[in-house]
Protein backbone atom coordinates (compact mmCIF):
# COMPACT_ATOMS: atom_id res chain seq x y z
CA MET A 1 3.92 20.30 -14.60
CA LEU A 2 4.80 16.91 -13.15
CA PHE A 3 2.35 17.16 -10.34
CA ASN A 4 -0.64 17.32 -12.48
CA ILE A 5 -2.33 14.18 -11.55
CA GLU A 6 -3.84 13.44 -14.92
CA LEU A 7 -0.42 12.81 -16.27
CA PHE A 8 -0.06 9.84 -13.80
CA VAL A 9 -2.90 7.25 -15.28
CA LYS A 10 -1.23 4.16 -15.29
CA LEU A 11 -1.19 1.71 -12.36
CA LYS A 12 1.77 -1.03 -12.21
CA ARG A 13 3.42 -0.56 -15.56
CA ASN A 14 3.52 0.94 -18.98
CA LYS A 15 5.29 -0.54 -22.27
CA LEU A 16 8.88 0.64 -20.68
CA VAL A 17 8.68 0.37 -16.95
CA GLU A 18 6.88 -2.14 -14.36
CA VAL A 19 6.82 -1.44 -10.57
CA THR A 20 6.31 -3.85 -7.97
CA PRO A 21 4.15 -3.89 -5.71
CA HIS A 22 1.71 -1.64 -7.86
CA GLU A 23 0.26 -0.43 -4.31
CA VAL A 24 1.83 0.10 -1.01
CA HIS A 25 0.08 -0.64 2.05
CA PHE A 26 0.95 -0.01 5.71
CA ASP A 27 -1.69 -2.10 7.43
CA GLY A 28 -1.67 -1.58 11.22
CA PHE A 29 0.93 0.91 12.88
CA GLU A 30 1.81 2.52 16.09
CA ILE A 31 1.95 5.99 16.51
CA ASN A 32 5.43 7.55 16.17
CA GLN A 33 6.69 4.36 15.03
CA THR A 34 8.52 4.14 11.69
CA GLN A 35 7.59 1.16 9.21
CA THR A 36 9.12 0.70 5.82
CA ARG A 37 8.15 -1.17 2.94
CA ASP A 38 10.42 -2.13 -0.52
CA LEU A 39 9.16 -0.98 -3.93
CA HIS A 40 10.81 -2.09 -7.29
CA ILE A 41 10.92 -0.20 -10.42
CA LEU A 42 12.01 -2.13 -13.25
CA ASN A 43 13.06 -1.43 -16.70
CA ARG A 44 11.22 -3.85 -18.99
CA SER A 45 12.29 -2.32 -22.17
CA SER A 46 14.96 -3.01 -24.48
CA GLU A 47 16.41 0.52 -24.31
CA VAL A 48 18.21 2.55 -21.44
CA LEU A 49 15.74 4.67 -19.81
CA ARG A 50 15.96 7.55 -17.82
CA VAL A 51 13.14 7.58 -14.97
CA ASP A 52 12.17 10.28 -12.51
CA ILE A 53 10.52 9.43 -9.19
CA ILE A 54 8.37 11.99 -7.59
CA PRO A 55 8.14 11.53 -3.92
CA PRO A 56 5.04 11.74 -1.83
CA GLN A 57 3.47 15.09 -0.97
CA THR A 58 2.85 14.30 2.90
CA SER A 59 5.36 14.66 5.58
CA PHE A 60 3.97 11.11 6.94
CA PHE A 61 5.53 9.14 3.71
CA GLN A 62 9.33 9.40 2.93
CA ILE A 63 11.34 7.42 0.29
CA ASP A 64 15.12 6.75 0.06
CA TYR A 65 16.73 5.34 -3.12
CA LYS A 66 20.14 5.53 -5.15
CA LYS A 67 19.26 7.00 -8.39
CA PRO A 68 21.20 5.38 -11.20
CA GLN A 69 22.17 8.10 -14.18
CA ARG A 70 20.24 5.77 -16.69
CA LEU A 71 18.13 2.45 -16.00
CA VAL A 72 19.69 -0.45 -17.99
CA PRO A 73 17.31 -2.93 -19.72
CA GLY A 74 16.39 -5.59 -16.95
CA PHE A 75 17.50 -3.54 -14.00
CA SER A 76 15.52 -1.82 -11.14
CA ILE A 77 15.77 0.87 -8.72
CA HIS A 78 14.99 -0.49 -5.13
CA VAL A 79 13.02 2.56 -3.38
CA LYS A 80 12.48 2.10 0.54
CA VAL A 81 9.10 3.80 1.54
CA SER A 82 9.25 4.97 5.23
CA PHE A 83 5.97 5.66 7.05
CA LYS A 84 5.61 7.60 10.53
CA PRO A 85 2.29 8.03 11.84
CA THR A 86 1.37 10.96 14.24
CA GLN A 87 -2.50 9.97 14.80
CA TRP A 88 -4.62 6.92 14.75
CA GLN A 89 -6.12 7.52 11.45
CA TYR A 90 -5.96 6.49 7.60
CA TYR A 91 -3.13 8.03 5.74
CA HIS A 92 -2.94 8.05 2.04
CA ASP A 93 -0.61 9.57 -0.62
CA ALA A 94 1.32 8.42 -3.96
CA ILE A 95 4.67 7.93 -5.47
CA ARG A 96 4.73 9.30 -8.86
CA ILE A 97 7.35 7.93 -11.64
CA HIS A 98 7.77 9.79 -14.72
CA THR A 99 9.00 7.90 -17.73
CA PRO A 100 9.74 8.54 -21.55
CA GLU A 101 6.35 7.14 -22.24
CA ARG A 102 4.50 10.32 -22.78
CA ASP A 103 0.96 10.07 -21.11
CA HIS A 104 1.41 6.99 -19.77
CA HIS A 105 3.46 8.08 -16.50
CA ILE A 106 2.89 5.59 -13.18
CA ILE A 107 1.12 6.46 -10.18
CA VAL A 108 1.84 4.28 -7.09
CA PRO A 109 -0.95 5.01 -4.50
CA ILE A 110 0.37 4.34 -0.65
CA HIS A 111 -2.22 3.53 1.96
CA ALA A 112 -1.67 3.50 5.96
CA TYR A 113 -4.48 2.28 7.98
CA PRO A 114 -4.88 1.47 11.47
CA ILE A 115 -5.93 -2.22 12.65
CA ILE A 116 -7.78 -3.31 15.69
CA LEU A 117 -6.51 -6.71 17.02
CA LEU A 118 -9.72 -8.56 18.30
CA ASP A 119 -7.48 -11.30 19.58
CA GLY A 120 -9.26 -12.64 23.02
CA ILE A 121 -12.61 -10.32 22.50
CA PHE A 122 -14.65 -12.71 20.41
CA PRO A 123 -14.85 -16.26 20.80
CA SER A 124 -12.74 -18.47 18.41
CA SER A 125 -16.29 -20.10 17.94
CA TYR A 126 -19.59 -20.49 19.08
CA GLN A 127 -22.10 -23.33 18.77
CA PHE A 128 -25.68 -22.41 17.86
CA PRO A 129 -28.37 -24.54 18.78
CA ASN A 130 -29.97 -27.24 15.85
CA THR A 131 -33.11 -25.48 14.55
CA PRO A 132 -35.61 -27.33 12.08
CA LEU A 133 -35.73 -25.80 8.54
CA GLY A 134 -38.24 -23.24 8.22
CA GLN A 135 -38.27 -22.53 11.90
CA MET A 136 -36.75 -19.46 14.16
CA CYS A 137 -34.35 -20.19 16.93
CA VAL A 138 -35.65 -18.32 20.10
CA ASP A 139 -33.62 -15.48 21.12
CA LYS A 140 -30.59 -16.25 23.07
CA ASP A 141 -28.21 -13.97 24.94
CA PHE A 142 -24.65 -14.84 25.89
CA ARG A 143 -21.74 -12.92 27.23
CA MET A 144 -18.40 -12.67 25.52
CA ASN A 145 -15.67 -12.19 28.04
CA ARG A 146 -12.10 -11.03 27.55
CA SER A 147 -9.78 -13.73 29.08
CA HIS A 148 -6.86 -11.64 29.46
């Protein structure tokens, strides 16, 4: 069975194929907005290969590529990975690449996570008072205001 996770133990490359990047990250997103990232699968061997790409299992990630009959040495398959979130949460999945090298198929993890932008919330710098070595400064409160 091609979906068995134990079959896909290699990250980035095996003797025949190299994947760039070895992980796909969607850092920061807006709900119901589609983002895309590029993935390249390179034949680094001296042989013509047949490579099978098993897509992500969740509906949040999709892939699009033109599969050649055979992958010629030095050539690559360009895969467009799309992500469309429906909630503000962490998402993960994987693309599995089945190669002729038995027991060394490649897994490409996919991660998507929200990012909170803190621009204007925290001051860019704060000057703490000079304090002699070995002594503690008296507690001091200060207020942070959003300037927007």
